[in-house]
Full PDB file with SEQRES, HELIX, SHEET, SSBOND, CRYST1, ORIGX, SCALE, CONECT and MASTER records, all heavy atoms in Angstrom:
SEQRES   1 A   30  GLY GLY SER VAL GLN ALA GLY GLY SER LEU ARG LEU SER          
SEQRES   2 A   30  CYS ALA ALA SER GLY SER ILE PHE SER ILE SER THR MET          
SEQRES   3 A   30  GLY TRP TYR ARG                                              
HELIX    1 AA1 PHE A   21  ILE A   23  5                                   3    
CRYST1    1.000    1.000    1.000  90.00  90.00  90.00 P 1           1          
ORIGX1      1.000000  0.000000  0.000000        0.00000                         
ORIGX2      0.000000  1.000000  0.000000        0.00000                         
ORIGX3      0.000000  0.000000  1.000000        0.00000                         
SCALE1      1.000000  0.000000  0.000000        0.00000                         
SCALE2      0.000000  1.000000  0.000000        0.00000                         
SCALE3      0.000000  0.000000  1.000000        0.00000                         
ATOM      1  N   GLY A   1     -84.621 -46.490  70.910  1.00  0.00           N  
ATOM      2  CA  GLY A   1     -85.545 -45.718  70.080  1.00  0.00           C  
ATOM      3  C   GLY A   1     -85.353 -46.031  68.604  1.00  0.00           C  
ATOM      4  O   GLY A   1     -84.441 -46.752  68.207  1.00  0.00           O  
ATOM      5  N   GLY A   2     -86.250 -45.488  67.793  1.00  0.00           N  
ATOM      6  CA  GLY A   2     -86.146 -45.702  66.364  1.00  0.00           C  
ATOM      7  C   GLY A   2     -87.446 -45.397  65.676  1.00  0.00           C  
ATOM      8  O   GLY A   2     -88.337 -44.758  66.242  1.00  0.00           O  
ATOM      9  N   SER A   3     -87.559 -45.861  64.439  1.00  0.00           N  
ATOM     10  CA  SER A   3     -88.755 -45.645  63.627  1.00  0.00           C  
ATOM     11  C   SER A   3     -89.481 -46.958  63.431  1.00  0.00           C  
ATOM     12  O   SER A   3     -88.843 -47.991  63.194  1.00  0.00           O  
ATOM     13  CB  SER A   3     -88.362 -45.057  62.267  1.00  0.00           C  
ATOM     14  OG  SER A   3     -87.771 -43.785  62.421  1.00  0.00           O  
ATOM     15  N   VAL A   4     -90.788 -46.904  63.521  1.00  0.00           N  
ATOM     16  CA  VAL A   4     -91.601 -48.109  63.384  1.00  0.00           C  
ATOM     17  C   VAL A   4     -92.944 -47.722  62.779  1.00  0.00           C  
ATOM     18  O   VAL A   4     -93.388 -46.569  62.916  1.00  0.00           O  
ATOM     19  CB  VAL A   4     -91.771 -48.795  64.758  1.00  0.00           C  
ATOM     20  CG1 VAL A   4     -92.570 -47.921  65.707  1.00  0.00           C  
ATOM     21  CG2 VAL A   4     -92.380 -50.169  64.631  1.00  0.00           C  
ATOM     22  N   GLN A   5     -93.581 -48.662  62.140  1.00  0.00           N  
ATOM     23  CA  GLN A   5     -94.918 -48.413  61.605  1.00  0.00           C  
ATOM     24  C   GLN A   5     -95.965 -48.592  62.700  1.00  0.00           C  
ATOM     25  O   GLN A   5     -95.745 -49.302  63.689  1.00  0.00           O  
ATOM     26  CB  GLN A   5     -95.205 -49.348  60.439  1.00  0.00           C  
ATOM     27  CG  GLN A   5     -94.402 -49.026  59.181  1.00  0.00           C  
ATOM     28  CD  GLN A   5     -94.906 -49.792  57.977  1.00  0.00           C  
ATOM     29  OE1 GLN A   5     -95.372 -50.916  58.109  1.00  0.00           O  
ATOM     30  NE2 GLN A   5     -94.804 -49.178  56.806  1.00  0.00           N  
ATOM     31  N   ALA A   6     -97.094 -47.960  62.507  1.00  0.00           N  
ATOM     32  CA  ALA A   6     -98.199 -48.086  63.450  1.00  0.00           C  
ATOM     33  C   ALA A   6     -98.544 -49.559  63.657  1.00  0.00           C  
ATOM     34  O   ALA A   6     -98.567 -50.340  62.705  1.00  0.00           O  
ATOM     35  CB  ALA A   6     -99.422 -47.325  62.944  1.00  0.00           C  
ATOM     36  N   GLY A   7     -98.769 -49.899  64.927  1.00  0.00           N  
ATOM     37  CA  GLY A   7     -99.044 -51.275  65.282  1.00  0.00           C  
ATOM     38  C   GLY A   7     -97.811 -52.057  65.706  1.00  0.00           C  
ATOM     39  O   GLY A   7     -97.930 -53.167  66.238  1.00  0.00           O  
ATOM     40  N   GLY A   8     -96.646 -51.474  65.467  1.00  0.00           N  
ATOM     41  CA  GLY A   8     -95.404 -52.151  65.808  1.00  0.00           C  
ATOM     42  C   GLY A   8     -95.015 -51.971  67.265  1.00  0.00           C  
ATOM     43  O   GLY A   8     -95.760 -51.373  68.061  1.00  0.00           O  
ATOM     44  N   SER A   9     -93.835 -52.485  67.594  1.00  0.00           N  
ATOM     45  CA  SER A   9     -93.359 -52.468  68.972  1.00  0.00           C  
ATOM     46  C   SER A   9     -91.917 -51.971  69.031  1.00  0.00           C  
ATOM     47  O   SER A   9     -91.150 -52.131  68.081  1.00  0.00           O  
ATOM     48  CB  SER A   9     -93.415 -53.874  69.582  1.00  0.00           C  
ATOM     49  OG  SER A   9     -94.728 -54.371  69.627  1.00  0.00           O  
ATOM     50  N   LEU A  10     -91.588 -51.388  70.172  1.00  0.00           N  
ATOM     51  CA  LEU A  10     -90.221 -50.999  70.484  1.00  0.00           C  
ATOM     52  C   LEU A  10     -89.992 -51.222  71.973  1.00  0.00           C  
ATOM     53  O   LEU A  10     -90.940 -51.148  72.764  1.00  0.00           O  
ATOM     54  CB  LEU A  10     -89.954 -49.522  70.158  1.00  0.00           C  
ATOM     55  CG  LEU A  10     -89.768 -49.113  68.699  1.00  0.00           C  
ATOM     56  CD1 LEU A  10     -89.686 -47.598  68.591  1.00  0.00           C  
ATOM     57  CD2 LEU A  10     -88.537 -49.758  68.093  1.00  0.00           C  
ATOM     58  N   ARG A  11     -88.746 -51.469  72.332  1.00  0.00           N  
ATOM     59  CA  ARG A  11     -88.385 -51.593  73.739  1.00  0.00           C  
ATOM     60  C   ARG A  11     -87.276 -50.610  74.054  1.00  0.00           C  
ATOM     61  O   ARG A  11     -86.191 -50.691  73.464  1.00  0.00           O  
ATOM     62  CB  ARG A  11     -87.918 -53.011  74.055  1.00  0.00           C  
ATOM     63  CG  ARG A  11     -87.709 -53.275  75.549  1.00  0.00           C  
ATOM     64  CD  ARG A  11     -86.945 -54.555  75.756  1.00  0.00           C  
ATOM     65  NE  ARG A  11     -87.040 -55.056  77.125  1.00  0.00           N  
ATOM     66  CZ  ARG A  11     -86.139 -55.878  77.670  1.00  0.00           C  
ATOM     67  NH1 ARG A  11     -85.105 -56.284  76.956  1.00  0.00           N  
ATOM     68  NH2 ARG A  11     -86.303 -56.288  78.921  1.00  0.00           N  
ATOM     69  N   LEU A  12     -87.561 -49.693  74.945  1.00  0.00           N  
ATOM     70  CA  LEU A  12     -86.564 -48.732  75.394  1.00  0.00           C  
ATOM     71  C   LEU A  12     -85.871 -49.258  76.643  1.00  0.00           C  
ATOM     72  O   LEU A  12     -86.490 -49.911  77.488  1.00  0.00           O  
ATOM     73  CB  LEU A  12     -87.219 -47.389  75.704  1.00  0.00           C  
ATOM     74  CG  LEU A  12     -88.047 -46.740  74.597  1.00  0.00           C  
ATOM     75  CD1 LEU A  12     -88.560 -45.378  75.054  1.00  0.00           C  
ATOM     76  CD2 LEU A  12     -87.265 -46.621  73.309  1.00  0.00           C  
ATOM     77  N   SER A  13     -84.585 -48.946  76.738  1.00  0.00           N  
ATOM     78  CA  SER A  13     -83.807 -49.286  77.925  1.00  0.00           C  
ATOM     79  C   SER A  13     -83.127 -48.033  78.455  1.00  0.00           C  
ATOM     80  O   SER A  13     -82.783 -47.122  77.691  1.00  0.00           O  
ATOM     81  CB  SER A  13     -82.731 -50.326  77.588  1.00  0.00           C  
ATOM     82  OG  SER A  13     -83.290 -51.515  77.119  1.00  0.00           O  
ATOM     83  N   CYS A  14     -82.944 -47.999  79.756  1.00  0.00           N  
ATOM     84  CA  CYS A  14     -82.240 -46.887  80.389  1.00  0.00           C  
ATOM     85  C   CYS A  14     -81.306 -47.466  81.448  1.00  0.00           C  
ATOM     86  O   CYS A  14     -81.770 -48.048  82.437  1.00  0.00           O  
ATOM     87  CB  CYS A  14     -83.227 -45.917  81.022  1.00  0.00           C  
ATOM     88  SG  CYS A  14     -82.468 -44.623  82.040  1.00  0.00           S  
ATOM     89  N   ALA A  15     -80.025 -47.306  81.208  1.00  0.00           N  
ATOM     90  CA  ALA A  15     -79.015 -47.790  82.148  1.00  0.00           C  
ATOM     91  C   ALA A  15     -78.569 -46.639  83.035  1.00  0.00           C  
ATOM     92  O   ALA A  15     -78.218 -45.556  82.546  1.00  0.00           O  
ATOM     93  CB  ALA A  15     -77.833 -48.359  81.389  1.00  0.00           C  
ATOM     94  N   ALA A  16     -78.587 -46.879  84.333  1.00  0.00           N  
ATOM     95  CA  ALA A  16     -78.246 -45.832  85.299  1.00  0.00           C  
ATOM     96  C   ALA A  16     -76.944 -46.150  86.011  1.00  0.00           C  
ATOM     97  O   ALA A  16     -76.661 -47.308  86.327  1.00  0.00           O  
ATOM     98  CB  ALA A  16     -79.367 -45.702  86.326  1.00  0.00           C  
ATOM     99  N   SER A  17     -76.172 -45.117  86.253  1.00  0.00           N  
ATOM    100  CA  SER A  17     -74.981 -45.267  87.074  1.00  0.00           C  
ATOM    101  C   SER A  17     -75.329 -44.857  88.502  1.00  0.00           C  
ATOM    102  O   SER A  17     -76.404 -44.323  88.769  1.00  0.00           O  
ATOM    103  CB  SER A  17     -73.856 -44.381  86.538  1.00  0.00           C  
ATOM    104  OG  SER A  17     -74.225 -43.008  86.641  1.00  0.00           O  
ATOM    105  N   GLY A  18     -74.418 -45.123  89.428  1.00  0.00           N  
ATOM    106  CA  GLY A  18     -74.644 -44.706  90.798  1.00  0.00           C  
ATOM    107  C   GLY A  18     -75.215 -45.816  91.648  1.00  0.00           C  
ATOM    108  O   GLY A  18     -75.554 -46.896  91.170  1.00  0.00           O  
ATOM    109  N   SER A  19     -75.371 -45.516  92.928  1.00  0.00           N  
ATOM    110  CA  SER A  19     -75.738 -46.547  93.898  1.00  0.00           C  
ATOM    111  C   SER A  19     -77.162 -46.424  94.425  1.00  0.00           C  
ATOM    112  O   SER A  19     -77.545 -47.175  95.317  1.00  0.00           O  
ATOM    113  CB  SER A  19     -74.763 -46.480  95.075  1.00  0.00           C  
ATOM    114  OG  SER A  19     -74.831 -45.195  95.679  1.00  0.00           O  
ATOM    115  N   ILE A  20     -77.946 -45.499  93.891  1.00  0.00           N  
ATOM    116  CA  ILE A  20     -79.282 -45.270  94.440  1.00  0.00           C  
ATOM    117  C   ILE A  20     -80.390 -45.784  93.532  1.00  0.00           C  
ATOM    118  O   ILE A  20     -81.572 -45.532  93.788  1.00  0.00           O  
ATOM    119  CB  ILE A  20     -79.517 -43.769  94.733  1.00  0.00           C  
ATOM    120  CG1 ILE A  20     -79.382 -42.937  93.453  1.00  0.00           C  
ATOM    121  CG2 ILE A  20     -78.590 -43.291  95.830  1.00  0.00           C  
ATOM    122  CD1 ILE A  20     -79.808 -41.495  93.622  1.00  0.00           C  
ATOM    123  N   PHE A  21     -80.037 -46.500  92.484  1.00  0.00           N  
ATOM    124  CA  PHE A  21     -81.051 -46.939  91.523  1.00  0.00           C  
ATOM    125  C   PHE A  21     -82.154 -47.726  92.209  1.00  0.00           C  
ATOM    126  O   PHE A  21     -83.345 -47.461  92.012  1.00  0.00           O  
ATOM    127  CB  PHE A  21     -80.410 -47.782  90.419  1.00  0.00           C  
ATOM    128  CG  PHE A  21     -81.399 -48.313  89.411  1.00  0.00           C  
ATOM    129  CD1 PHE A  21     -81.765 -47.543  88.319  1.00  0.00           C  
ATOM    130  CD2 PHE A  21     -81.963 -49.572  89.560  1.00  0.00           C  
ATOM    131  CE1 PHE A  21     -82.676 -48.016  87.383  1.00  0.00           C  
ATOM    132  CE2 PHE A  21     -82.886 -50.059  88.640  1.00  0.00           C  
ATOM    133  CZ  PHE A  21     -83.237 -49.276  87.549  1.00  0.00           C  
ATOM    134  N   SER A  22     -81.794 -48.697  93.024  1.00  0.00           N  
ATOM    135  CA  SER A  22     -82.790 -49.613  93.586  1.00  0.00           C  
ATOM    136  C   SER A  22     -83.743 -48.931  94.557  1.00  0.00           C  
ATOM    137  O   SER A  22     -84.812 -49.468  94.845  1.00  0.00           O  
ATOM    138  CB  SER A  22     -82.096 -50.787  94.281  1.00  0.00           C  
ATOM    139  OG  SER A  22     -81.358 -50.331  95.397  1.00  0.00           O  
ATOM    140  N   ILE A  23     -83.375 -47.765  95.062  1.00  0.00           N  
ATOM    141  CA  ILE A  23     -84.232 -47.062  96.008  1.00  0.00           C  
ATOM    142  C   ILE A  23     -84.849 -45.810  95.388  1.00  0.00           C  
ATOM    143  O   ILE A  23     -85.383 -44.954  96.099  1.00  0.00           O  
ATOM    144  CB  ILE A  23     -83.473 -46.705  97.304  1.00  0.00           C  
ATOM    145  CG1 ILE A  23     -82.198 -45.910  97.009  1.00  0.00           C  
ATOM    146  CG2 ILE A  23     -83.157 -47.960  98.096  1.00  0.00           C  
ATOM    147  CD1 ILE A  23     -81.473 -45.442  98.260  1.00  0.00           C  
ATOM    148  N   SER A  24     -84.780 -45.719  94.077  1.00  0.00           N  
ATOM    149  CA  SER A  24     -85.332 -44.578  93.347  1.00  0.00           C  
ATOM    150  C   SER A  24     -86.602 -44.964  92.611  1.00  0.00           C  
ATOM    151  O   SER A  24     -86.790 -46.130  92.253  1.00  0.00           O  
ATOM    152  CB  SER A  24     -84.324 -44.062  92.315  1.00  0.00           C  
ATOM    153  OG  SER A  24     -83.132 -43.610  92.919  1.00  0.00           O  
ATOM    154  N   THR A  25     -87.446 -43.972  92.383  1.00  0.00           N  
ATOM    155  CA  THR A  25     -88.548 -44.132  91.434  1.00  0.00           C  
ATOM    156  C   THR A  25     -88.012 -43.832  90.043  1.00  0.00           C  
ATOM    157  O   THR A  25     -87.316 -42.837  89.842  1.00  0.00           O  
ATOM    158  CB  THR A  25     -89.701 -43.176  91.775  1.00  0.00           C  
ATOM    159  OG1 THR A  25     -90.286 -43.577  93.015  1.00  0.00           O  
ATOM    160  CG2 THR A  25     -90.774 -43.221  90.696  1.00  0.00           C  
ATOM    161  N   MET A  26     -88.323 -44.699  89.112  1.00  0.00           N  
ATOM    162  CA  MET A  26     -87.867 -44.539  87.735  1.00  0.00           C  
ATOM    163  C   MET A  26     -89.066 -44.254  86.847  1.00  0.00           C  
ATOM    164  O   MET A  26     -90.153 -44.810  87.036  1.00  0.00           O  
ATOM    165  CB  MET A  26     -87.151 -45.788  87.250  1.00  0.00           C  
ATOM    166  CG  MET A  26     -85.938 -46.158  88.070  1.00  0.00           C  
ATOM    167  SD  MET A  26     -84.670 -44.882  88.087  1.00  0.00           S  
ATOM    168  CE  MET A  26     -84.254 -44.752  86.334  1.00  0.00           C  
ATOM    169  N   GLY A  27     -88.850 -43.396  85.873  1.00  0.00           N  
ATOM    170  CA  GLY A  27     -89.960 -43.055  84.981  1.00  0.00           C  
ATOM    171  C   GLY A  27     -89.504 -42.832  83.559  1.00  0.00           C  
ATOM    172  O   GLY A  27     -88.317 -42.611  83.284  1.00  0.00           O  
ATOM    173  N   TRP A  28     -90.461 -42.952  82.663  1.00  0.00           N  
ATOM    174  CA  TRP A  28     -90.278 -42.579  81.262  1.00  0.00           C  
ATOM    175  C   TRP A  28     -91.222 -41.423  80.966  1.00  0.00           C  
ATOM    176  O   TRP A  28     -92.436 -41.541  81.169  1.00  0.00           O  
ATOM    177  CB  TRP A  28     -90.576 -43.746  80.336  1.00  0.00           C  
ATOM    178  CG  TRP A  28     -89.525 -44.804  80.335  1.00  0.00           C  
ATOM    179  CD1 TRP A  28     -89.524 -45.968  81.051  1.00  0.00           C  
ATOM    180  CD2 TRP A  28     -88.308 -44.794  79.581  1.00  0.00           C  
ATOM    181  NE1 TRP A  28     -88.381 -46.681  80.799  1.00  0.00           N  
ATOM    182  CE2 TRP A  28     -87.613 -45.985  79.887  1.00  0.00           C  
ATOM    183  CE3 TRP A  28     -87.735 -43.911  78.667  1.00  0.00           C  
ATOM    184  CZ2 TRP A  28     -86.381 -46.311  79.317  1.00  0.00           C  
ATOM    185  CZ3 TRP A  28     -86.518 -44.227  78.109  1.00  0.00           C  
ATOM    186  CH2 TRP A  28     -85.846 -45.409  78.434  1.00  0.00           C  
ATOM    187  N   TYR A  29     -90.658 -40.327  80.510  1.00  0.00           N  
ATOM    188  CA  TYR A  29     -91.429 -39.174  80.079  1.00  0.00           C  
ATOM    189  C   TYR A  29     -91.269 -39.038  78.572  1.00  0.00           C  
ATOM    190  O   TYR A  29     -90.310 -39.557  77.994  1.00  0.00           O  
ATOM    191  CB  TYR A  29     -90.920 -37.897  80.761  1.00  0.00           C  
ATOM    192  CG  TYR A  29     -91.283 -37.778  82.216  1.00  0.00           C  
ATOM    193  CD1 TYR A  29     -90.667 -38.583  83.171  1.00  0.00           C  
ATOM    194  CD2 TYR A  29     -92.238 -36.870  82.654  1.00  0.00           C  
ATOM    195  CE1 TYR A  29     -90.995 -38.474  84.517  1.00  0.00           C  
ATOM    196  CE2 TYR A  29     -92.573 -36.755  83.989  1.00  0.00           C  
ATOM    197  CZ  TYR A  29     -91.939 -37.560  84.915  1.00  0.00           C  
ATOM    198  OH  TYR A  29     -92.274 -37.453  86.241  1.00  0.00           O  
ATOM    199  N   ARG A  30     -92.192 -38.306  77.963  1.00  0.00           N  
ATOM    200  CA  ARG A  30     -92.064 -38.074  76.533  1.00  0.00           C  
ATOM    201  C   ARG A  30     -92.473 -36.652  76.192  1.00  0.00           C  
ATOM    202  O   ARG A  30     -93.291 -36.050  76.881  1.00  0.00           O  
ATOM    203  CB  ARG A  30     -92.901 -39.091  75.748  1.00  0.00           C  
ATOM    204  CG  ARG A  30     -94.406 -39.000  75.971  1.00  0.00           C  
ATOM    205  CD  ARG A  30     -95.082 -40.142  75.225  1.00  0.00           C  
ATOM    206  NE  ARG A  30     -96.543 -40.044  75.298  1.00  0.00           N  
ATOM    207  CZ  ARG A  30     -97.372 -40.905  74.728  1.00  0.00           C  
ATOM    208  NH1 ARG A  30     -96.890 -41.944  74.050  1.00  0.00           N  
ATOM    209  NH2 ARG A  30     -98.681 -40.737  74.824  1.00  0.00           N  
TER     210      ARG A  30                                                      
MASTER        0    0    0    1    0    0    0    6  209    1    0    3          
END                                                                             
């Protein structure tokens, strides 16, 4: 996350622990 001007880009990442990641639905909420 961070601050950016309109028209710009950002890339969010989410690292998960545990063994069920590959069989889970992942989402981004705001």
